[in-house]
Protein backbone atom coordinates (compact mmCIF):
# COMPACT_ATOMS: atom_id res chain seq x y z
CA MET A 1 50.38 149.41 23.62
CA ALA A 2 47.25 149.91 25.68
CA SER A 3 47.54 150.37 29.43
CA HIS A 4 45.97 147.75 31.66
CA SER A 5 46.66 149.29 35.04
CA SER A 6 43.19 148.24 36.20
CA ILE A 7 44.29 144.60 36.08
CA SER A 8 46.51 143.64 38.96
CA SER A 9 49.40 141.23 38.51
CA GLU A 10 48.40 139.57 41.78
CA ASP A 11 46.78 136.14 41.75
CA HIS A 12 43.09 136.06 40.95
CA PRO A 13 40.81 133.11 41.58
CA VAL A 14 40.73 130.89 38.49
CA PHE A 15 37.18 130.71 37.24
CA SER A 16 37.85 128.29 34.42
CA TYR A 17 40.44 126.07 32.73
CA SER A 18 40.76 124.43 29.33
CA GLN A 19 43.67 122.61 27.76
CA PHE A 20 43.51 124.93 24.73
CA ALA A 21 42.44 128.58 24.53
CA CYS A 22 42.24 130.86 21.53
CA ILE A 23 41.99 134.64 21.20
CA GLY A 24 39.55 135.23 18.34
CA SER A 25 36.70 133.36 16.67
CA GLY A 26 37.31 133.87 12.96
CA PHE A 27 38.47 131.51 10.24
CA SER A 28 41.76 130.69 12.00
CA ALA A 29 40.12 129.90 15.33
CA ILE A 30 37.45 127.70 13.78
CA ALA A 31 40.04 125.85 11.70
CA LEU A 32 42.00 125.21 14.91
CA GLY A 33 39.01 123.84 16.81
CA ALA A 34 37.98 121.62 13.91
CA THR A 35 41.51 120.29 13.33
CA LEU A 36 41.97 119.44 17.00
CA GLN A 37 38.90 117.23 16.75
CA ARG A 38 39.85 115.70 13.41
CA TRP A 39 43.41 114.87 14.41
CA TYR A 40 43.18 114.07 18.07
CA GLY A 41 39.53 114.02 19.09
CA ILE A 42 40.24 116.96 21.44
CA THR A 43 37.29 119.21 22.30
CA ASP A 44 38.73 120.91 25.40
CA ILE A 45 39.14 124.39 23.94
CA ARG A 46 37.71 127.83 24.69
CA PHE A 47 37.52 130.85 22.38
CA PHE A 48 37.37 134.48 23.53
CA ASP A 49 36.40 137.30 21.17
CA LYS A 50 35.77 140.99 21.81
CA GLN A 51 33.24 141.03 18.97
CA PRO A 52 29.57 140.15 19.63
CA GLN A 53 29.55 137.28 17.12
CA LEU A 54 31.91 134.80 15.53
CA GLY A 55 33.45 135.42 12.13
CA GLY A 56 36.43 137.70 12.71
CA THR A 57 37.14 139.65 9.53
CA TRP A 58 33.91 138.46 7.97
CA HIS A 59 31.88 139.75 10.87
CA ILE A 60 33.42 143.21 11.27
CA ASN A 61 33.63 143.92 7.52
CA GLN A 62 30.06 144.35 6.32
CA TYR A 63 30.41 147.36 4.05
CA PRO A 64 28.55 147.61 0.72
CA GLY A 65 30.26 145.53 -1.97
CA CYS A 66 32.34 143.58 0.56
CA ALA A 67 33.62 140.33 -0.94
CA CYS A 68 36.69 138.12 -0.99
CA ASP A 69 39.41 138.71 -3.59
CA ILE A 70 40.46 135.05 -3.65
CA PRO A 71 38.31 132.38 -5.38
CA SER A 72 36.06 130.76 -2.79
CA ALA A 73 37.15 127.28 -3.83
CA LEU A 74 40.51 128.17 -2.27
CA TYR A 75 39.38 130.69 0.32
CA SER A 76 37.81 127.94 2.40
CA LEU A 77 39.07 125.09 4.56
CA SER A 78 40.62 122.17 2.71
CA PHE A 79 38.73 119.66 4.84
CA GLU A 80 35.41 121.47 4.44
CA CYS A 81 35.03 122.10 0.72
CA ASN A 82 31.75 123.85 -0.08
CA PRO A 83 29.77 123.01 -3.24
CA ASN A 84 27.35 125.88 -2.75
CA TRP A 85 29.38 129.02 -3.51
CA THR A 86 27.17 131.09 -5.79
CA ARG A 87 30.01 133.28 -7.09
CA VAL A 88 33.71 132.84 -7.86
CA LEU A 89 34.46 135.57 -5.31
CA SER A 90 31.96 135.16 -2.51
CA THR A 91 30.39 138.03 -0.61
CA TYR A 92 30.96 138.53 3.10
CA ALA A 93 27.45 137.17 3.79
CA GLU A 94 28.20 133.83 2.13
CA LEU A 95 31.58 133.61 3.82
CA TRP A 96 30.11 134.37 7.24
CA GLU A 97 27.42 131.73 6.74
CA TYR A 98 30.09 129.20 5.70
CA ILE A 99 32.17 129.94 8.81
CA HIS A 100 29.08 129.63 11.00
CA ARG A 101 28.13 126.31 9.44
CA VAL A 102 31.59 124.84 10.03
CA ALA A 103 31.57 126.11 13.61
CA ARG A 104 28.21 124.43 14.23
CA LYS A 105 29.31 121.18 12.61
CA TYR A 106 32.22 120.85 15.06
CA ASP A 107 30.20 122.13 18.06
CA LEU A 108 32.47 125.14 18.51
CA VAL A 109 29.87 127.88 19.08
CA ASP A 110 29.11 126.74 22.64
CA LYS A 111 32.83 127.00 23.39
CA MET A 112 32.94 130.68 22.40
CA THR A 113 32.61 133.68 24.71
CA PHE A 114 31.74 136.91 22.89
CA GLY A 115 32.06 140.50 24.00
CA ALA A 116 35.11 139.33 25.94
CA ALA A 117 38.30 141.34 25.42
CA VAL A 118 41.47 139.46 26.36
CA GLU A 119 43.57 142.17 27.99
CA ARG A 120 46.46 140.25 29.52
CA CYS A 121 48.06 136.80 29.17
CA VAL A 122 50.92 135.72 31.46
CA TRP A 123 53.01 132.56 31.39
CA ILE A 124 52.96 130.96 34.87
CA GLU A 125 56.27 129.13 35.05
CA ASP A 126 55.69 126.88 38.04
CA LYS A 127 52.34 125.66 36.69
CA GLY A 128 53.34 125.43 33.01
CA ARG A 129 50.18 127.30 32.07
CA TRP A 130 48.98 130.55 30.55
CA ARG A 131 46.79 132.75 32.73
CA MET A 132 44.40 135.07 30.89
CA TRP A 133 42.58 138.14 32.18
CA ILE A 134 39.41 138.73 30.15
CA ARG A 135 37.10 141.72 30.47
CA GLN A 136 33.41 141.37 29.72
CA LYS A 137 32.65 144.44 27.63
CA GLN A 138 29.04 144.86 28.78
CA THR A 139 29.60 144.52 32.51
CA GLY A 140 33.26 145.44 32.87
CA GLN A 141 33.78 142.29 34.94
CA VAL A 142 37.21 140.68 34.69
CA ILE A 143 37.36 136.89 34.63
CA VAL A 144 40.43 134.67 34.75
CA HIS A 145 41.04 131.64 32.59
CA GLU A 146 44.00 129.27 32.45
CA CYS A 147 45.15 126.96 29.68
CA GLN A 148 48.09 124.78 28.73
CA PHE A 149 48.22 125.90 25.09
CA LEU A 150 47.42 129.46 24.00
CA TYR A 151 46.70 130.50 20.40
CA GLY A 152 46.50 134.06 19.09
CA ALA A 153 44.14 134.29 16.12
CA VAL A 154 43.43 138.02 15.90
CA GLY A 155 44.55 138.21 12.27
CA LEU A 156 46.27 140.90 10.22
CA PHE A 157 43.37 143.35 10.07
CA ASP A 158 42.31 143.80 13.66
CA GLN A 159 42.93 147.52 14.24
CA PRO A 160 41.60 150.16 11.77
CA ARG A 161 43.97 153.00 10.96
CA GLU A 162 43.11 156.48 12.13
CA LEU A 163 42.66 159.30 9.65
CA GLU A 164 45.62 161.54 10.39
CA ILE A 165 44.04 164.78 9.24
CA PRO A 166 43.39 167.73 11.58
CA GLY A 167 39.79 168.52 12.47
CA ALA A 168 38.25 165.05 12.28
CA GLU A 169 36.63 165.54 15.68
CA ARG A 170 34.82 168.65 14.39
CA PHE A 171 32.96 166.92 11.56
CA GLU A 172 29.25 167.05 12.37
CA GLY A 173 28.02 164.26 10.10
CA PRO A 174 28.54 160.48 10.34
CA MET A 175 32.21 159.53 9.99
CA PHE A 176 33.22 155.88 10.22
CA HIS A 177 35.75 153.27 9.08
CA SER A 178 34.80 150.64 6.53
CA ALA A 179 35.33 147.95 9.19
CA ARG A 180 32.84 149.75 11.46
CA TRP A 181 30.19 150.40 8.83
CA ARG A 182 27.15 152.34 10.02
CA HIS A 183 24.17 150.48 8.59
CA ASP A 184 21.87 153.04 10.19
CA VAL A 185 23.25 155.75 7.88
CA ASP A 186 21.33 156.10 4.62
CA LEU A 187 23.60 157.39 1.84
CA THR A 188 20.74 158.13 -0.53
CA GLY A 189 21.03 161.68 -1.81
CA LYS A 190 24.00 162.43 0.46
CA ARG A 191 27.30 164.08 -0.35
CA VAL A 192 29.82 161.36 0.48
CA VAL A 193 33.60 161.41 0.77
CA VAL A 194 35.57 158.15 0.65
CA PHE A 195 39.20 158.12 1.77
CA GLY A 196 41.21 155.35 0.13
CA ASN A 197 41.24 153.44 -3.13
CA GLY A 198 42.74 150.08 -2.19
CA CYS A 199 40.93 146.74 -2.15
CA THR A 200 38.19 148.04 0.16
CA GLY A 201 37.67 151.44 -1.45
CA SER A 202 37.44 149.88 -4.90
CA GLN A 203 34.57 147.68 -3.68
CA ILE A 204 32.68 150.39 -1.80
CA VAL A 205 32.65 153.04 -4.54
CA PRO A 206 30.79 151.09 -7.27
CA ALA A 207 28.36 149.77 -4.64
CA ILE A 208 27.24 153.20 -3.40
CA VAL A 209 27.93 155.76 -6.12
CA ASP A 210 24.48 155.56 -7.73
CA LYS A 211 22.77 156.32 -4.41
CA THR A 212 24.70 159.46 -3.64
CA ALA A 213 24.13 163.03 -4.67
CA SER A 214 27.90 163.27 -5.07
CA LEU A 215 30.86 161.07 -4.22
CA THR A 216 34.39 162.36 -3.83
CA GLN A 217 37.12 159.74 -3.54
CA VAL A 218 40.38 160.95 -2.06
CA VAL A 219 43.20 158.72 -3.28
CA ARG A 220 46.62 158.65 -1.65
CA SER A 221 48.36 156.02 -3.74
CA LYS A 222 48.05 154.03 -6.92
CA HIS A 223 47.14 150.39 -7.42
CA TRP A 224 47.20 147.88 -10.23
CA VAL A 225 43.58 147.00 -11.03
CA TYR A 226 43.36 143.61 -12.76
CA PRO A 227 40.55 142.47 -15.06
CA PRO A 228 37.64 140.93 -13.12
CA ILE A 229 37.54 137.22 -12.31
CA ASP A 230 34.24 137.21 -10.46
CA GLU A 231 31.14 135.73 -12.02
CA LYS A 232 28.10 133.74 -11.05
CA VAL A 233 28.72 129.99 -10.72
CA PRO A 234 26.53 128.19 -13.30
CA LEU A 235 23.87 125.75 -12.11
CA TRP A 236 25.45 122.78 -13.90
CA LEU A 237 28.68 123.30 -11.99
CA LEU A 238 26.87 123.68 -8.67
CA PHE A 239 25.08 120.38 -9.36
CA THR A 240 28.32 118.64 -10.36
CA LEU A 241 30.23 119.83 -7.29
CA ALA A 242 27.43 118.73 -4.98
CA ASN A 243 26.87 115.30 -6.51
CA VAL A 244 30.05 114.00 -8.16
CA PRO A 245 32.66 112.79 -5.64
CA GLY A 246 36.08 114.34 -5.96
CA THR A 247 35.05 117.33 -8.10
CA MET A 248 35.29 119.85 -5.26
CA GLN A 249 38.82 118.69 -4.46
CA LEU A 250 39.71 118.80 -8.17
CA GLN A 251 38.35 122.34 -8.43
CA ARG A 252 40.41 123.34 -5.42
CA LEU A 253 43.55 121.76 -6.89
CA ILE A 254 43.14 123.55 -10.23
CA THR A 255 42.48 126.86 -8.47
CA PHE A 256 45.48 126.37 -6.22
CA ILE A 257 47.86 125.68 -9.12
CA LYS A 258 46.53 128.62 -11.13
CA MET A 259 46.98 131.02 -8.22
CA GLU A 260 50.35 129.61 -7.20
CA VAL A 261 51.78 130.12 -10.68
CA GLU A 262 51.48 133.87 -10.05
CA PHE A 263 54.19 133.56 -7.39
CA ILE A 264 56.70 133.20 -10.21
CA GLY A 265 56.44 136.95 -10.72
CA PHE A 266 57.52 137.83 -7.18
CA GLY A 267 61.19 136.89 -7.52
CA ASP A 268 64.21 138.89 -8.68
CA GLY A 269 65.46 136.68 -11.50
CA ASN A 270 65.22 137.50 -15.19
CA PHE A 271 62.34 135.09 -15.70
CA ALA A 272 60.37 136.69 -12.83
CA LYS A 273 61.00 140.20 -14.17
CA ALA A 274 59.87 139.16 -17.64
CA PHE A 275 56.78 137.57 -16.11
CA ARG A 276 55.96 140.83 -14.28
CA LYS A 277 56.52 142.97 -17.37
CA LYS A 278 54.13 140.84 -19.39
CA ARG A 279 51.50 140.95 -16.66
CA GLN A 280 52.00 144.71 -16.26
CA ARG A 281 51.40 145.33 -19.96
CA GLN A 282 48.16 143.34 -19.76
CA VAL A 283 46.88 145.12 -16.66
CA GLU A 284 47.84 148.59 -17.84
CA ALA A 285 46.06 148.02 -21.16
CA TYR A 286 42.94 147.00 -19.25
CA MET A 287 43.07 150.05 -16.98
CA ARG A 288 43.54 152.45 -19.87
CA ALA A 289 40.64 150.87 -21.74
CA MET A 290 38.23 150.90 -18.78
CA ALA A 291 39.02 154.06 -16.79
CA PRO A 292 38.28 157.64 -17.92
CA GLU A 293 41.31 159.09 -19.65
CA LYS A 294 41.31 162.11 -17.33
CA TYR A 295 42.10 159.79 -14.39
CA HIS A 296 44.87 157.72 -15.99
CA ASP A 297 47.64 159.70 -14.32
CA LEU A 298 45.93 159.33 -10.93
CA LEU A 299 45.38 155.60 -11.28
CA ILE A 300 48.16 153.90 -13.22
CA PRO A 301 51.16 153.11 -10.98
CA ASP A 302 54.79 153.74 -11.76
CA PHE A 303 55.91 150.69 -9.76
CA GLU A 304 55.95 147.03 -10.69
CA VAL A 305 52.95 144.73 -10.39
CA GLY A 306 53.10 142.58 -7.26
CA CYS A 307 54.73 145.24 -5.09
CA LYS A 308 51.29 146.01 -3.65
CA ARG A 309 48.27 143.79 -3.20
CA ARG A 310 46.60 143.50 -6.61
CA ILE A 311 42.94 144.45 -7.03
CA PHE A 312 40.50 142.50 -9.17
CA ASP A 313 38.11 144.99 -10.71
CA SER A 314 34.59 144.65 -9.31
CA GLY A 315 33.12 147.47 -11.36
CA TYR A 316 35.36 150.17 -9.92
CA LEU A 317 36.92 151.46 -13.14
CA LYS A 318 33.52 151.61 -14.85
CA SER A 319 32.07 153.51 -11.89
CA LEU A 320 34.63 156.29 -12.42
CA HIS A 321 32.60 157.35 -15.46
CA ASN A 322 29.64 158.19 -13.20
CA GLU A 323 28.81 161.90 -13.31
CA HIS A 324 28.29 161.87 -9.52
CA LEU A 325 31.87 160.82 -8.87
CA ARG A 326 35.05 162.85 -8.56
CA LEU A 327 38.50 161.38 -8.07
CA THR A 328 41.25 163.50 -6.54
CA ASP A 329 44.73 163.05 -5.13
CA GLU A 330 44.97 166.61 -3.82
CA PRO A 331 46.04 166.61 -0.15
CA VAL A 332 43.36 167.41 2.42
CA GLU A 333 44.50 170.24 4.69
CA GLU A 334 41.81 169.83 7.33
CA ILE A 335 38.35 168.43 8.00
CA LEU A 336 35.64 171.02 8.58
CA PRO A 337 32.26 170.58 10.32
CA HIS A 338 30.56 170.12 6.94
CA GLY A 339 33.30 169.01 4.58
CA LEU A 340 36.96 169.11 3.61
CA LYS A 341 39.39 171.94 3.04
CA MET A 342 41.86 171.00 0.34
CA LYS A 343 45.44 172.24 0.09
CA SER A 344 44.42 174.55 -2.75
CA GLY A 345 41.85 176.18 -0.48
CA GLU A 346 38.89 174.53 -2.19
CA ILE A 347 36.04 173.44 0.09
CA ILE A 348 34.40 170.09 -0.67
CA GLU A 349 31.06 169.80 1.12
CA ALA A 350 30.24 166.45 2.70
CA ASP A 351 27.41 164.88 4.70
CA VAL A 352 29.17 161.55 5.33
CA ILE A 353 32.83 160.55 5.47
CA VAL A 354 33.89 156.93 4.96
CA MET A 355 37.42 155.86 5.85
CA ALA A 356 38.63 153.01 3.65
CA ASN A 357 42.23 153.71 4.59
CA GLY A 358 43.16 150.25 5.82
CA PHE A 359 44.46 148.81 9.04
CA LYS A 360 47.45 148.95 11.34
CA THR A 361 49.50 146.25 9.69
CA ASN A 362 52.92 145.04 10.83
CA GLU A 363 51.60 145.50 14.40
CA PHE A 364 49.98 142.86 16.56
CA PHE A 365 48.30 142.69 19.98
CA LEU A 366 47.94 146.44 20.36
CA ASP A 367 45.23 146.08 23.00
CA CYS A 368 46.47 142.94 24.75
CA GLU A 369 49.58 142.30 26.86
CA ILE A 370 51.29 138.96 26.24
CA ILE A 371 53.95 138.32 28.89
CA GLY A 372 56.30 135.37 28.59
CA ARG A 373 59.19 133.99 30.61
CA GLY A 374 60.96 136.42 32.91
CA GLY A 375 58.27 139.07 32.51
CA GLU A 376 59.23 139.91 28.93
CA THR A 377 56.32 141.34 26.96
CA ILE A 378 55.74 140.36 23.38
CA HIS A 379 56.44 143.94 22.25
CA GLU A 380 59.75 143.99 24.12
CA HIS A 381 60.59 140.71 22.44
CA TRP A 382 59.82 142.12 19.02
CA LYS A 383 61.78 145.29 19.73
CA SER A 384 64.87 143.15 20.33
CA PHE A 385 64.50 141.83 16.78
CA GLY A 386 63.68 145.14 15.13
CA GLY A 387 60.01 144.46 14.47
CA ALA A 388 57.24 141.88 14.72
CA GLU A 389 58.40 138.41 13.68
CA ALA A 390 58.03 134.74 14.55
CA TYR A 391 59.81 131.45 13.93
CA ASN A 392 58.02 129.74 11.04
CA CYS A 393 55.63 132.71 11.26
CA GLU A 394 54.01 131.46 14.48
CA SER A 395 56.36 130.76 17.43
CA LEU A 396 58.42 132.95 19.78
CA SER A 397 61.28 132.00 22.11
CA GLY A 398 60.45 132.78 25.72
CA PHE A 399 56.74 132.23 25.04
CA PRO A 400 56.18 128.50 25.61
CA ASN A 401 53.07 126.71 24.33
CA PHE A 402 52.05 129.87 22.46
CA PHE A 403 51.28 129.92 18.75
CA LEU A 404 50.25 132.71 16.38
CA LEU A 405 47.72 132.02 13.63
CA GLY A 406 47.78 134.68 10.94
CA GLY A 407 50.80 136.24 12.63
CA PRO A 408 53.86 138.00 11.21
CA ASN A 409 54.85 137.33 7.59
CA VAL A 410 52.01 135.02 6.61
CA ALA A 411 50.42 137.29 3.99
CA THR A 412 50.88 136.64 0.30
CA GLY A 413 50.25 138.72 -2.77
CA HIS A 414 48.88 135.90 -4.87
CA THR A 415 46.96 133.18 -3.04
CA SER A 416 44.75 132.27 -0.11
CA PHE A 417 45.60 133.38 3.42
CA LEU A 418 43.79 130.28 4.68
CA ILE A 419 46.45 127.99 3.23
CA ALA A 420 48.96 129.66 5.56
CA VAL A 421 46.53 129.35 8.47
CA GLU A 422 46.06 125.62 7.95
CA ASN A 423 49.81 125.19 7.57
CA ALA A 424 50.37 126.96 10.90
CA ILE A 425 47.74 124.92 12.71
CA ASN A 426 49.07 121.64 11.37
CA TYR A 427 52.64 122.59 12.27
CA SER A 428 51.75 123.58 15.84
CA LEU A 429 49.87 120.34 16.38
CA ARG A 430 52.84 118.34 15.12
CA ILE A 431 55.05 120.21 17.58
CA ILE A 432 52.81 119.54 20.58
CA GLU A 433 51.93 115.96 19.61
CA PRO A 434 54.66 114.52 21.89
CA LEU A 435 53.20 116.56 24.75
CA LEU A 436 49.73 115.25 24.03
CA GLN A 437 51.22 111.75 24.13
CA GLY A 438 52.56 112.42 27.62
CA LYS A 439 56.21 113.03 26.65
CA GLY A 440 56.36 116.42 28.35
CA SER A 441 54.12 119.42 28.94
CA VAL A 442 56.00 122.46 27.55
CA ALA A 443 57.29 123.23 24.03
CA GLU A 444 59.40 126.28 23.26
CA VAL A 445 61.36 127.31 20.18
CA LYS A 446 65.01 128.19 20.84
CA ARG A 447 66.15 131.81 20.56
CA GLU A 448 68.98 131.01 18.17
CA ALA A 449 66.59 129.14 15.86
CA GLU A 450 64.21 132.09 15.86
CA GLU A 451 67.05 134.51 15.07
CA GLU A 452 68.32 132.34 12.22
CA TYR A 453 64.85 131.98 10.73
CA VAL A 454 64.08 135.72 10.91
CA GLN A 455 67.41 136.63 9.32
CA SER A 456 66.79 134.15 6.52
CA LEU A 457 63.24 135.41 5.94
CA HIS A 458 64.18 139.09 5.77
CA HIS A 459 67.17 138.34 3.57
CA ALA A 460 64.82 136.52 1.19
CA LEU A 461 62.40 139.48 1.24
CA GLN A 462 65.16 141.64 -0.21
CA ASP A 463 65.12 139.45 -3.29
CA THR A 464 61.40 139.91 -3.97
CA VAL A 465 59.21 142.51 -5.63
CA PHE A 466 58.17 143.73 -2.15
CA SER A 467 61.55 145.47 -1.90
CA THR A 468 61.46 147.27 -5.23
CA GLY A 469 60.51 150.62 -3.75
CA CYS A 470 56.75 151.03 -3.54
CA ARG A 471 55.00 151.93 -0.31
CA SER A 472 52.39 149.41 0.78
CA TRP A 473 50.83 147.88 3.89
CA TYR A 474 53.40 145.09 3.61
CA ASN A 475 56.11 147.56 4.72
CA ARG A 476 55.95 149.92 7.67
CA THR A 477 58.47 152.26 9.29
CA VAL A 478 59.67 151.08 12.71
CA ASP A 479 60.51 153.83 15.23
CA GLY A 480 60.62 156.27 12.32
CA LYS A 481 63.95 154.80 11.19
CA LYS A 482 63.65 151.82 8.89
CA LEU A 483 61.16 149.78 6.92
CA TRP A 484 60.18 146.47 8.47
CA ASN A 485 58.09 143.96 6.55
CA ALA A 486 56.13 141.91 9.09
CA SER A 487 53.40 141.00 6.64
CA ALA A 488 54.69 139.30 3.50
CA TYR A 489 55.98 135.75 3.14
CA PRO A 490 58.94 135.72 0.71
CA TRP A 491 58.50 132.15 -0.50
CA SER A 492 55.64 130.25 -2.09
CA GLN A 493 52.82 128.79 -0.06
CA THR A 494 53.91 125.34 -1.13
CA HIS A 495 57.28 126.13 0.45
CA HIS A 496 55.46 127.09 3.66
CA TRP A 497 53.37 123.93 3.48
CA TYR A 498 56.49 121.79 3.16
CA SER A 499 58.28 123.62 5.98
CA CYS A 500 55.31 122.87 8.23
CA LEU A 501 55.22 119.21 7.27
CA PHE A 502 58.50 118.15 8.92
CA PRO A 503 59.40 120.05 12.12
CA SER A 504 63.09 120.67 12.74
CA TRP A 505 63.22 119.22 16.24
CA LYS A 506 66.70 120.62 16.90
CA ASP A 507 65.06 124.06 16.97
CA TRP A 508 62.73 123.09 19.81
CA ARG A 509 63.04 122.41 23.50
CA LEU A 510 60.50 120.04 25.07
CA SER A 511 60.29 119.88 28.85
CA GLY A 512 57.93 119.45 31.77
CA GLN A 513 56.13 116.57 33.34
CA THR A 514 55.59 113.30 31.51
CA GLY A 515 52.57 111.09 31.80
CA LYS A 516 50.48 108.45 30.12
CA ASN A 517 49.79 108.58 26.41
CA LYS A 518 46.61 110.50 25.78
CA ILE A 519 46.29 110.46 22.00
CA VAL A 520 47.49 108.39 19.09
CA LYS A 521 47.80 110.05 15.70
CA GLN A 522 48.13 108.04 12.53
CA SER A 523 51.24 109.03 10.59
CA HIS A 524 50.92 109.91 6.90
CA THR A 525 54.61 110.69 6.39
CA LEU A 526 55.31 107.70 4.11
CA THR A 527 52.33 108.53 1.91
CA ARG A 528 53.47 112.13 1.59
CA LEU A 529 57.03 111.13 0.70
CA LEU A 530 55.90 108.63 -1.95
CA THR A 531 53.47 111.15 -3.41
CA PHE A 532 56.15 113.84 -3.51
CA THR A 533 58.67 111.56 -5.23
CA ALA A 534 56.27 110.21 -7.84
CA PHE A 535 54.76 113.58 -8.69
CA THR A 536 58.13 115.36 -8.98
CA LEU A 537 59.69 112.64 -11.16
CA GLY A 538 56.59 112.65 -13.35
CA MET A 539 56.76 116.41 -13.88
CA VAL A 540 60.48 116.31 -14.70
CA TYR A 541 59.97 113.43 -17.16
CA TRP A 542 57.04 115.20 -18.85
CA SER A 543 58.97 118.47 -19.17
CA ARG A 544 61.86 116.71 -20.90
CA LYS A 545 59.44 115.17 -23.38
CA ASN A 546 57.92 118.62 -23.98
CA PRO A 547 60.87 121.06 -24.01
CA ASN A 548 58.88 124.00 -25.39
CA THR A 549 56.36 124.16 -22.56
CA VAL A 550 56.16 126.64 -19.68
CA LEU A 551 57.13 123.88 -17.24
CA ALA A 552 60.36 123.21 -19.13
CA SER A 553 61.12 126.93 -19.06
CA LEU A 554 60.57 127.00 -15.33
CA LEU A 555 63.02 124.16 -14.80
CA ALA A 556 65.62 126.25 -16.62
CA GLN A 557 65.45 128.81 -13.80
CA PRO A 558 66.82 126.76 -10.87
CA LYS A 559 67.55 129.59 -8.42
CA THR A 560 64.03 131.00 -8.39
CA ILE A 561 61.84 128.22 -9.69
CA LEU A 562 63.06 124.89 -8.31
CA PRO A 563 62.18 125.67 -4.67
CA TRP A 564 58.74 126.72 -5.86
CA LEU A 565 58.40 123.66 -8.09
CA ALA A 566 59.42 121.27 -5.33
CA GLY A 567 56.84 122.74 -3.02
CA ALA A 568 54.21 122.80 -5.76
CA ALA A 569 54.87 119.14 -6.47
CA VAL A 570 54.34 118.20 -2.86
CA GLN A 571 51.21 120.27 -2.39
CA SER A 572 49.73 119.37 -5.76
CA GLY A 573 50.53 115.71 -5.28
CA THR A 574 48.85 115.65 -1.91
CA GLU A 575 45.84 117.54 -3.25
CA ALA A 576 45.65 115.07 -6.13
CA PHE A 577 45.78 112.19 -3.66
CA ALA A 578 42.89 113.83 -1.79
CA VAL A 579 40.89 113.92 -5.04
CA ILE A 580 41.36 110.19 -5.55
CA ARG A 581 40.65 109.38 -1.91
CA GLY A 582 37.54 111.55 -1.92
CA ALA A 583 36.23 109.85 -5.05
CA TRP A 584 36.46 106.43 -3.40
CA ARG A 585 34.78 107.39 -0.12
């Protein structure tokens, strides 16, 4: 954790206050600001971001070929469907423009302070507030801000990983991480080395290989590369989505169901294993057909599909046929001023080195101190559990009125991260609704509830493909002793959605001053329950009438499938209701 000795723990004059404050200005932060307005009409929120512009991941990642690996119909906010995506998998430019448009629509940009690194947040017990110390990066000035509710929306990919190879400081050419792309560096005619062949590396290589004099890609692990799903959206569909009510919601529903079905393959039951084996045969056949035969042993994994984040091919396998490109898994012994020295003694000359070696996952708030009740830091709290964690993936005991968006264990291997973000936002707002109504001022999850949840989550992770032995960014060694998965969610996203729909109030402690009601939120609980019941009964009835269908087979796997099916029924039913409602607006 970074040292902040320059910031005193003594009282500073409070320059500003807002009821809500958020660290970050990416998708999660914008979804929070918009949902506060939609649900409660609340606009009293401030955002602080160390970056110079809003966008989070889609601002800092601007490397060649950068695009989403989730269909844009689902990798967007459910309440802001976009009819104008030009591709199935949108580029970072389109995604950034979408985020900016939503931020402008809800007047959030004026509430954002950029180039402002939040270095310290402390819970002030007697005031029931969070006090934040924020350093302006250009001037070095430290300002103080206080809020009642604090949200952390820094995401999973905030800190790039270092390249742990001796001699990096001696390299005389440009050397940069994919998330810090140097647009002033022209790769034309250059000898380029790319470290990494995951999701990022597989997008960069086909985008730059034709420009280079030579490109050497150093691979450290293997990945399953799926057939491509990206394509240009046809004009007739763009016209339909923009002009026919309900079609955007229907597209989102269909995409959601199609992606969620893939979760079936993440379990440990016989049906899940059979599902994975079938998918593995399909993907391996594709890789063998598309990649040069000389690279098959370097590329094709010996672990099961799903254990690592899958990659949809964006031209990567075809690019491996390029005569300018060389793929190698030979260890690099050291970095020289003008290239690499391999373990064999071979020297590979290089003008530019690109690090596509990922981020520090399973770790959060590496450059910010979060201090809760009794002076306990967030890292001390996590150490007491064995690693980063959170109740319902967003709340910590001893840290009142504090919520994590995109925090521990929200990542999935099959669907949109933004579904989890919206779930977390909606859950936190349901928790603090009594406070907004004047029934208290402080909400805190109980320690025993947090412990029970974390134990249940990590026990469930043992029964998933994430625990089958492969090394991935989902799992990291803690204190050099044991693997700790602070990234993956072991259940379906529909399960998460349902768990966020009805808070377990026995797990929470509400306290503080009471006052007059400030907001009134219309309850949709009855509608959700009726939708859930009707949709589930309809699916069961249909499956019995059609015993040879996939759905009937799923119902025959109660241990693994029924929890998924119940959640899918709820989510799908609600999405279907949104289609009907949207068509009648």
